[in-house]
Amino acid sequence: MERILFDFHECLEKGLLRKTVPSKAKARKSLEASLKWLEEAEKNLKSRALKSSLLSAYLAVFHAARSILFLDGYREKSHACIARYLETNYVGKGLLEAEWVEMLDHFRELRHSDQYSFSFFTSVDESKDTITKSRDFVSRMEKLVHQILKT
């Protein structure tokens, strides 16, 4: 498993998170991308392309989480730093439950193993569970986006 290498402030200092112009349009496009990746994960599962299914489910989670950064005017250069951003700016302020950041980190580590390990294996049940949890994650990020837009 991949370790968390940076905290939020280190992500900023190292340029792994960068300030940019806030964009509702990019946030919306990122959420749309997350839904397309969920569809892709389902298609891959049906065809028993399990590793591709996990990768697609992760990309759904990645894009959903990334939508929050776009909305707030940040862009990432590190997938791990997206989790650190949410952890500091949303969990730390009581606007998001810690379980979602833990899930993001878990799926990022799973994706890393899937993509880079020669011995990675997953089952149909694990793939189904990952897709279900990814769908829940996307839904939670959609709710958070709507909450942010109301404030």
N, C-alpha and C. Protein backbone atom coordinates (compact mmCIF):
# COMPACT_ATOMS: atom_id res chain seq x y z
N MET A 1 0.83 -1.19 0.00
CA MET A 1 0.00 0.00 0.00
C MET A 1 0.87 1.26 0.00
N GLU A 2 0.39 2.24 -0.70
CA GLU A 2 1.09 3.52 -0.80
C GLU A 2 0.83 4.33 0.47
N ARG A 3 1.87 4.90 1.04
CA ARG A 3 1.73 5.73 2.24
C ARG A 3 1.34 7.15 1.85
N ILE A 4 0.69 7.84 2.80
CA ILE A 4 0.43 9.26 2.61
C ILE A 4 1.75 9.98 2.82
N LEU A 5 2.19 10.68 1.81
CA LEU A 5 3.51 11.28 1.85
C LEU A 5 3.49 12.73 2.32
N PHE A 6 2.38 13.42 2.13
CA PHE A 6 2.33 14.84 2.42
C PHE A 6 1.10 15.18 3.25
N ASP A 7 1.20 16.29 3.97
CA ASP A 7 -0.02 16.85 4.55
C ASP A 7 -0.45 18.01 3.66
N PHE A 8 -1.56 18.64 3.97
CA PHE A 8 -2.12 19.69 3.13
C PHE A 8 -1.12 20.82 2.87
N HIS A 9 -0.46 21.28 3.92
CA HIS A 9 0.47 22.41 3.77
C HIS A 9 1.69 22.04 2.93
N GLU A 10 2.16 20.81 3.07
CA GLU A 10 3.26 20.35 2.22
C GLU A 10 2.83 20.27 0.76
N CYS A 11 1.58 19.87 0.53
CA CYS A 11 1.05 19.83 -0.84
C CYS A 11 1.11 21.22 -1.48
N LEU A 12 0.75 22.25 -0.70
CA LEU A 12 0.81 23.62 -1.20
C LEU A 12 2.25 24.06 -1.42
N GLU A 13 3.10 23.79 -0.43
CA GLU A 13 4.51 24.22 -0.50
C GLU A 13 5.23 23.58 -1.68
N LYS A 14 4.93 22.34 -1.97
CA LYS A 14 5.61 21.61 -3.04
C LYS A 14 4.94 21.82 -4.40
N GLY A 15 3.88 22.62 -4.44
CA GLY A 15 3.20 22.89 -5.71
C GLY A 15 2.32 21.75 -6.19
N LEU A 16 2.01 20.82 -5.29
CA LEU A 16 1.17 19.68 -5.65
C LEU A 16 -0.31 20.03 -5.61
N LEU A 17 -0.61 21.14 -4.95
CA LEU A 17 -1.92 21.80 -5.02
C LEU A 17 -1.61 23.25 -5.36
N ARG A 18 -2.32 23.76 -6.34
CA ARG A 18 -2.07 25.13 -6.78
C ARG A 18 -3.36 25.91 -6.85
N LYS A 19 -3.28 27.16 -6.42
CA LYS A 19 -4.43 28.06 -6.48
C LYS A 19 -4.68 28.43 -7.94
N THR A 20 -5.95 28.48 -8.30
CA THR A 20 -6.36 28.87 -9.64
C THR A 20 -7.71 29.58 -9.53
N VAL A 21 -8.28 29.94 -10.62
CA VAL A 21 -9.57 30.63 -10.62
C VAL A 21 -10.67 29.61 -10.30
N PRO A 22 -11.53 29.88 -9.31
CA PRO A 22 -12.65 28.97 -9.04
C PRO A 22 -13.51 28.80 -10.29
N SER A 23 -13.99 27.58 -10.51
CA SER A 23 -14.77 27.33 -11.72
C SER A 23 -15.93 26.36 -11.47
N LYS A 24 -17.13 26.91 -11.52
CA LYS A 24 -18.32 26.06 -11.42
C LYS A 24 -18.41 25.15 -12.64
N ALA A 25 -18.01 25.67 -13.80
CA ALA A 25 -18.07 24.88 -15.04
C ALA A 25 -17.15 23.66 -14.97
N LYS A 26 -15.92 23.86 -14.48
CA LYS A 26 -15.00 22.72 -14.36
C LYS A 26 -15.48 21.74 -13.31
N ALA A 27 -16.04 22.26 -12.23
CA ALA A 27 -16.60 21.38 -11.19
C ALA A 27 -17.71 20.52 -11.78
N ARG A 28 -18.58 21.13 -12.54
CA ARG A 28 -19.69 20.41 -13.18
C ARG A 28 -19.16 19.36 -14.16
N LYS A 29 -18.17 19.73 -14.97
CA LYS A 29 -17.59 18.79 -15.94
C LYS A 29 -16.91 17.62 -15.23
N SER A 30 -16.28 17.90 -14.11
CA SER A 30 -15.62 16.84 -13.35
C SER A 30 -16.65 15.87 -12.78
N LEU A 31 -17.78 16.40 -12.29
CA LEU A 31 -18.85 15.52 -11.82
C LEU A 31 -19.43 14.70 -12.96
N GLU A 32 -19.59 15.32 -14.12
CA GLU A 32 -20.09 14.58 -15.29
C GLU A 32 -19.11 13.47 -15.66
N ALA A 33 -17.84 13.77 -15.61
CA ALA A 33 -16.82 12.75 -15.91
C ALA A 33 -16.91 11.60 -14.91
N SER A 34 -17.16 11.92 -13.65
CA SER A 34 -17.25 10.86 -12.63
C SER A 34 -18.41 9.90 -12.96
N LEU A 35 -19.52 10.44 -13.44
CA LEU A 35 -20.65 9.58 -13.79
C LEU A 35 -20.33 8.71 -15.01
N LYS A 36 -19.59 9.26 -15.95
CA LYS A 36 -19.18 8.47 -17.12
C LYS A 36 -18.22 7.35 -16.71
N TRP A 37 -17.33 7.65 -15.78
CA TRP A 37 -16.40 6.61 -15.30
C TRP A 37 -17.15 5.52 -14.54
N LEU A 38 -18.21 5.89 -13.82
CA LEU A 38 -19.02 4.86 -13.15
C LEU A 38 -19.66 3.93 -14.19
N GLU A 39 -20.18 4.51 -15.26
CA GLU A 39 -20.75 3.69 -16.35
C GLU A 39 -19.69 2.76 -16.92
N GLU A 40 -18.50 3.29 -17.11
CA GLU A 40 -17.39 2.49 -17.64
C GLU A 40 -17.05 1.35 -16.69
N ALA A 41 -17.06 1.63 -15.40
CA ALA A 41 -16.78 0.59 -14.40
C ALA A 41 -17.80 -0.55 -14.50
N GLU A 42 -19.07 -0.19 -14.65
CA GLU A 42 -20.13 -1.19 -14.79
C GLU A 42 -19.94 -2.03 -16.06
N LYS A 43 -19.62 -1.37 -17.17
CA LYS A 43 -19.39 -2.09 -18.43
C LYS A 43 -18.22 -3.06 -18.29
N ASN A 44 -17.16 -2.59 -17.67
CA ASN A 44 -15.99 -3.45 -17.47
C ASN A 44 -16.32 -4.64 -16.57
N LEU A 45 -17.11 -4.41 -15.55
CA LEU A 45 -17.51 -5.50 -14.66
C LEU A 45 -18.32 -6.54 -15.43
N LYS A 46 -19.27 -6.09 -16.23
CA LYS A 46 -20.10 -7.01 -17.01
C LYS A 46 -19.28 -7.87 -17.96
N SER A 47 -18.21 -7.30 -18.49
CA SER A 47 -17.37 -8.06 -19.41
C SER A 47 -16.24 -8.80 -18.68
N ARG A 48 -16.27 -8.77 -17.36
CA ARG A 48 -15.28 -9.43 -16.49
C ARG A 48 -13.88 -8.85 -16.63
N ALA A 49 -13.79 -7.59 -17.03
CA ALA A 49 -12.51 -6.88 -17.05
C ALA A 49 -12.36 -6.22 -15.68
N LEU A 50 -12.03 -7.03 -14.69
CA LEU A 50 -12.10 -6.60 -13.29
C LEU A 50 -11.08 -5.52 -12.94
N LYS A 51 -9.87 -5.66 -13.42
CA LYS A 51 -8.87 -4.63 -13.13
C LYS A 51 -9.28 -3.30 -13.75
N SER A 52 -9.80 -3.35 -14.96
CA SER A 52 -10.28 -2.12 -15.61
C SER A 52 -11.49 -1.56 -14.88
N SER A 53 -12.30 -2.43 -14.34
CA SER A 53 -13.46 -1.99 -13.57
C SER A 53 -13.02 -1.21 -12.34
N LEU A 54 -12.03 -1.72 -11.64
CA LEU A 54 -11.52 -1.01 -10.45
C LEU A 54 -10.90 0.32 -10.82
N LEU A 55 -10.15 0.34 -11.89
CA LEU A 55 -9.52 1.58 -12.33
C LEU A 55 -10.58 2.61 -12.70
N SER A 56 -11.62 2.19 -13.39
CA SER A 56 -12.71 3.10 -13.77
C SER A 56 -13.45 3.61 -12.54
N ALA A 57 -13.68 2.73 -11.57
CA ALA A 57 -14.36 3.14 -10.34
C ALA A 57 -13.52 4.17 -9.59
N TYR A 58 -12.20 3.97 -9.56
CA TYR A 58 -11.33 4.95 -8.93
C TYR A 58 -11.40 6.30 -9.65
N LEU A 59 -11.39 6.27 -10.96
CA LEU A 59 -11.44 7.52 -11.71
C LEU A 59 -12.75 8.27 -11.46
N ALA A 60 -13.82 7.54 -11.21
CA ALA A 60 -15.09 8.18 -10.84
C ALA A 60 -14.93 8.93 -9.52
N VAL A 61 -14.31 8.29 -8.56
CA VAL A 61 -14.07 8.90 -7.25
C VAL A 61 -13.12 10.09 -7.38
N PHE A 62 -12.05 9.91 -8.12
CA PHE A 62 -11.07 10.98 -8.35
C PHE A 62 -11.74 12.22 -8.93
N HIS A 63 -12.53 12.05 -9.99
CA HIS A 63 -13.16 13.21 -10.62
C HIS A 63 -14.22 13.86 -9.72
N ALA A 64 -14.92 13.06 -8.96
CA ALA A 64 -15.92 13.62 -8.04
C ALA A 64 -15.23 14.47 -6.97
N ALA A 65 -14.15 13.96 -6.41
CA ALA A 65 -13.41 14.72 -5.39
C ALA A 65 -12.77 15.96 -5.99
N ARG A 66 -12.27 15.82 -7.18
CA ARG A 66 -11.61 16.93 -7.87
C ARG A 66 -12.58 18.08 -8.15
N SER A 67 -13.85 17.77 -8.29
CA SER A 67 -14.85 18.81 -8.54
C SER A 67 -14.86 19.84 -7.41
N ILE A 68 -14.62 19.40 -6.19
CA ILE A 68 -14.59 20.31 -5.04
C ILE A 68 -13.41 21.27 -5.18
N LEU A 69 -12.27 20.76 -5.60
CA LEU A 69 -11.11 21.63 -5.79
C LEU A 69 -11.39 22.68 -6.85
N PHE A 70 -11.96 22.26 -7.98
CA PHE A 70 -12.28 23.23 -9.03
C PHE A 70 -13.20 24.32 -8.50
N LEU A 71 -14.18 23.93 -7.73
CA LEU A 71 -15.14 24.87 -7.18
C LEU A 71 -14.46 25.88 -6.26
N ASP A 72 -13.48 25.41 -5.51
CA ASP A 72 -12.76 26.26 -4.56
C ASP A 72 -11.58 27.01 -5.19
N GLY A 73 -11.27 26.70 -6.44
CA GLY A 73 -10.16 27.38 -7.10
C GLY A 73 -8.80 26.76 -6.84
N TYR A 74 -8.74 25.43 -6.90
CA TYR A 74 -7.47 24.71 -6.78
C TYR A 74 -7.38 23.67 -7.89
N ARG A 75 -6.15 23.31 -8.21
CA ARG A 75 -5.92 22.18 -9.09
C ARG A 75 -4.82 21.33 -8.49
N GLU A 76 -4.86 20.07 -8.79
CA GLU A 76 -3.93 19.12 -8.16
C GLU A 76 -2.85 18.68 -9.12
N LYS A 77 -1.73 18.33 -8.55
CA LYS A 77 -0.64 17.67 -9.28
C LYS A 77 -0.33 16.35 -8.60
N SER A 78 -1.14 15.99 -7.62
CA SER A 78 -0.96 14.75 -6.87
C SER A 78 -2.34 14.25 -6.44
N HIS A 79 -2.62 13.01 -6.74
CA HIS A 79 -3.91 12.43 -6.34
C HIS A 79 -4.05 12.42 -4.82
N ALA A 80 -2.97 12.12 -4.11
CA ALA A 80 -3.03 12.06 -2.65
C ALA A 80 -3.37 13.43 -2.05
N CYS A 81 -2.94 14.48 -2.71
CA CYS A 81 -3.19 15.83 -2.18
C CYS A 81 -4.66 16.24 -2.29
N ILE A 82 -5.42 15.60 -3.14
CA ILE A 82 -6.86 15.87 -3.18
C ILE A 82 -7.48 15.45 -1.84
N ALA A 83 -7.08 14.29 -1.36
CA ALA A 83 -7.59 13.82 -0.07
C ALA A 83 -7.15 14.74 1.06
N ARG A 84 -5.90 15.21 1.01
CA ARG A 84 -5.41 16.10 2.06
C ARG A 84 -6.18 17.43 2.04
N TYR A 85 -6.53 17.89 0.85
CA TYR A 85 -7.32 19.11 0.72
C TYR A 85 -8.69 18.94 1.37
N LEU A 86 -9.37 17.85 1.02
CA LEU A 86 -10.70 17.60 1.59
C LEU A 86 -10.62 17.42 3.10
N GLU A 87 -9.60 16.72 3.54
CA GLU A 87 -9.41 16.47 4.96
C GLU A 87 -9.28 17.77 5.74
N THR A 88 -8.46 18.68 5.26
CA THR A 88 -8.20 19.94 5.96
C THR A 88 -9.36 20.92 5.82
N ASN A 89 -9.86 21.07 4.62
CA ASN A 89 -10.83 22.13 4.35
C ASN A 89 -12.29 21.73 4.52
N TYR A 90 -12.57 20.46 4.60
CA TYR A 90 -13.96 20.03 4.75
C TYR A 90 -14.18 19.15 5.97
N VAL A 91 -13.38 18.11 6.13
CA VAL A 91 -13.52 17.27 7.33
C VAL A 91 -13.15 18.10 8.55
N GLY A 92 -12.04 18.83 8.46
CA GLY A 92 -11.57 19.64 9.57
C GLY A 92 -12.54 20.72 10.01
N LYS A 93 -13.42 21.12 9.11
CA LYS A 93 -14.42 22.15 9.42
C LYS A 93 -15.81 21.58 9.64
N GLY A 94 -15.90 20.24 9.70
CA GLY A 94 -17.18 19.59 9.98
C GLY A 94 -18.16 19.59 8.83
N LEU A 95 -17.67 19.80 7.60
CA LEU A 95 -18.55 19.86 6.43
C LEU A 95 -18.60 18.54 5.66
N LEU A 96 -17.70 17.61 6.01
CA LEU A 96 -17.63 16.31 5.35
C LEU A 96 -17.18 15.28 6.37
N GLU A 97 -17.74 14.11 6.28
CA GLU A 97 -17.39 13.03 7.19
C GLU A 97 -16.03 12.42 6.78
N ALA A 98 -15.23 12.07 7.78
CA ALA A 98 -13.87 11.54 7.54
C ALA A 98 -13.90 10.26 6.71
N GLU A 99 -14.96 9.49 6.81
CA GLU A 99 -15.03 8.22 6.08
C GLU A 99 -14.84 8.39 4.57
N TRP A 100 -15.26 9.54 4.03
CA TRP A 100 -15.15 9.76 2.58
C TRP A 100 -13.71 9.99 2.17
N VAL A 101 -12.95 10.67 3.00
CA VAL A 101 -11.53 10.88 2.71
C VAL A 101 -10.78 9.56 2.86
N GLU A 102 -11.15 8.78 3.86
CA GLU A 102 -10.55 7.46 4.05
C GLU A 102 -10.84 6.58 2.83
N MET A 103 -12.05 6.66 2.32
CA MET A 103 -12.42 5.88 1.14
C MET A 103 -11.61 6.33 -0.08
N LEU A 104 -11.46 7.63 -0.24
CA LEU A 104 -10.67 8.16 -1.34
C LEU A 104 -9.24 7.65 -1.26
N ASP A 105 -8.63 7.71 -0.09
CA ASP A 105 -7.27 7.20 0.09
C ASP A 105 -7.20 5.70 -0.20
N HIS A 106 -8.18 4.96 0.30
CA HIS A 106 -8.20 3.50 0.07
C HIS A 106 -8.29 3.18 -1.41
N PHE A 107 -9.19 3.86 -2.12
CA PHE A 107 -9.35 3.60 -3.55
C PHE A 107 -8.11 4.05 -4.34
N ARG A 108 -7.46 5.11 -3.89
CA ARG A 108 -6.23 5.56 -4.54
C ARG A 108 -5.15 4.49 -4.39
N GLU A 109 -5.04 3.93 -3.20
CA GLU A 109 -4.06 2.87 -2.95
C GLU A 109 -4.41 1.61 -3.75
N LEU A 110 -5.68 1.29 -3.83
CA LEU A 110 -6.14 0.14 -4.61
C LEU A 110 -5.80 0.34 -6.09
N ARG A 111 -6.07 1.53 -6.59
CA ARG A 111 -5.74 1.86 -7.98
C ARG A 111 -4.24 1.73 -8.21
N HIS A 112 -3.46 2.19 -7.26
CA HIS A 112 -2.00 2.10 -7.38
C HIS A 112 -1.57 0.64 -7.50
N SER A 113 -2.11 -0.21 -6.64
CA SER A 113 -1.78 -1.64 -6.69
C SER A 113 -2.25 -2.26 -8.00
N ASP A 114 -3.46 -1.92 -8.40
CA ASP A 114 -4.03 -2.44 -9.64
C ASP A 114 -3.15 -2.05 -10.83
N GLN A 115 -2.71 -0.82 -10.86
CA GLN A 115 -1.99 -0.30 -12.01
C GLN A 115 -0.52 -0.73 -12.04
N TYR A 116 0.11 -0.87 -10.89
CA TYR A 116 1.55 -1.06 -10.87
C TYR A 116 2.04 -2.41 -10.37
N SER A 117 1.20 -3.16 -9.69
CA SER A 117 1.64 -4.45 -9.15
C SER A 117 1.49 -5.55 -10.20
N PHE A 118 2.46 -6.46 -10.21
CA PHE A 118 2.39 -7.60 -11.11
C PHE A 118 1.51 -8.71 -10.54
N SER A 119 1.24 -8.65 -9.25
CA SER A 119 0.51 -9.74 -8.62
C SER A 119 -0.88 -9.33 -8.10
N PHE A 120 -1.36 -8.18 -8.50
CA PHE A 120 -2.66 -7.70 -8.02
C PHE A 120 -3.77 -8.59 -8.57
N PHE A 121 -4.73 -8.92 -7.69
CA PHE A 121 -5.88 -9.73 -8.08
C PHE A 121 -7.11 -9.16 -7.39
N THR A 122 -8.22 -9.19 -8.08
CA THR A 122 -9.50 -8.81 -7.48
C THR A 122 -10.56 -9.80 -7.92
N SER A 123 -11.63 -9.85 -7.18
CA SER A 123 -12.73 -10.76 -7.49
C SER A 123 -13.93 -9.96 -8.01
N VAL A 124 -14.89 -10.67 -8.53
CA VAL A 124 -16.13 -10.04 -8.99
C VAL A 124 -16.81 -9.33 -7.83
N ASP A 125 -16.88 -9.98 -6.68
CA ASP A 125 -17.53 -9.38 -5.51
C ASP A 125 -16.82 -8.11 -5.06
N GLU A 126 -15.49 -8.13 -5.04
CA GLU A 126 -14.73 -6.93 -4.67
C GLU A 126 -14.98 -5.80 -5.67
N SER A 127 -15.04 -6.16 -6.94
CA SER A 127 -15.30 -5.14 -7.96
C SER A 127 -16.69 -4.56 -7.81
N LYS A 128 -17.67 -5.40 -7.56
CA LYS A 128 -19.04 -4.91 -7.35
C LYS A 128 -19.10 -3.97 -6.15
N ASP A 129 -18.44 -4.37 -5.06
CA ASP A 129 -18.43 -3.56 -3.84
C ASP A 129 -17.74 -2.21 -4.09
N THR A 130 -16.66 -2.23 -4.84
CA THR A 130 -15.94 -0.99 -5.15
C THR A 130 -16.82 -0.05 -5.97
N ILE A 131 -17.54 -0.59 -6.93
CA ILE A 131 -18.43 0.24 -7.74
C ILE A 131 -19.54 0.82 -6.89
N THR A 132 -20.12 0.03 -6.02
CA THR A 132 -21.19 0.52 -5.14
C THR A 132 -20.68 1.65 -4.26
N LYS A 133 -19.52 1.46 -3.66
CA LYS A 133 -18.95 2.49 -2.79
C LYS A 133 -18.55 3.72 -3.60
N SER A 134 -18.07 3.51 -4.80
CA SER A 134 -17.71 4.65 -5.67
C SER A 134 -18.94 5.46 -6.00
N ARG A 135 -20.03 4.78 -6.28
CA ARG A 135 -21.30 5.47 -6.57
C ARG A 135 -21.74 6.30 -5.36
N ASP A 136 -21.60 5.73 -4.17
CA ASP A 136 -21.94 6.46 -2.93
C ASP A 136 -21.04 7.68 -2.76
N PHE A 137 -19.75 7.51 -3.07
CA PHE A 137 -18.81 8.61 -2.96
C PHE A 137 -19.19 9.75 -3.90
N VAL A 138 -19.48 9.40 -5.14
CA VAL A 138 -19.86 10.41 -6.13
C VAL A 138 -21.11 11.15 -5.67
N SER A 139 -22.06 10.41 -5.16
CA SER A 139 -23.29 11.02 -4.66
C SER A 139 -23.00 11.99 -3.51
N ARG A 140 -22.10 11.61 -2.62
CA ARG A 140 -21.76 12.49 -1.49
C ARG A 140 -21.06 13.75 -1.98
N MET A 141 -20.20 13.64 -2.98
CA MET A 141 -19.52 14.82 -3.52
C MET A 141 -20.52 15.73 -4.24
N GLU A 142 -21.49 15.14 -4.91
CA GLU A 142 -22.53 15.95 -5.56
C GLU A 142 -23.29 16.77 -4.51
N LYS A 143 -23.61 16.14 -3.39
CA LYS A 143 -24.31 16.84 -2.31
C LYS A 143 -23.43 17.96 -1.74
N LEU A 144 -22.14 17.68 -1.60
CA LEU A 144 -21.23 18.69 -1.08
C LEU A 144 -21.11 19.87 -2.04
N VAL A 145 -21.07 19.60 -3.33
CA VAL A 145 -21.02 20.67 -4.32
C VAL A 145 -22.26 21.55 -4.18
N HIS A 146 -23.43 20.94 -4.08
CA HIS A 146 -24.67 21.72 -3.93
C HIS A 146 -24.67 22.53 -2.64
N GLN A 147 -24.14 21.94 -1.58
CA GLN A 147 -24.04 22.64 -0.29
C GLN A 147 -23.12 23.85 -0.42
N ILE A 148 -21.99 23.69 -1.09
CA ILE A 148 -21.04 24.80 -1.27
C ILE A 148 -21.67 25.90 -2.10
N LEU A 149 -22.39 25.54 -3.13
CA LEU A 149 -22.99 26.53 -4.02
C LEU A 149 -24.08 27.33 -3.32
N LYS A 150 -24.69 26.76 -2.30
CA LYS A 150 -25.74 27.47 -1.56
C LYS A 150 -25.17 28.52 -0.61
N THR A 151 -23.90 28.35 -0.22
CA THR A 151 -23.30 29.29 0.74
C THR A 151 -22.70 30.49 0.08
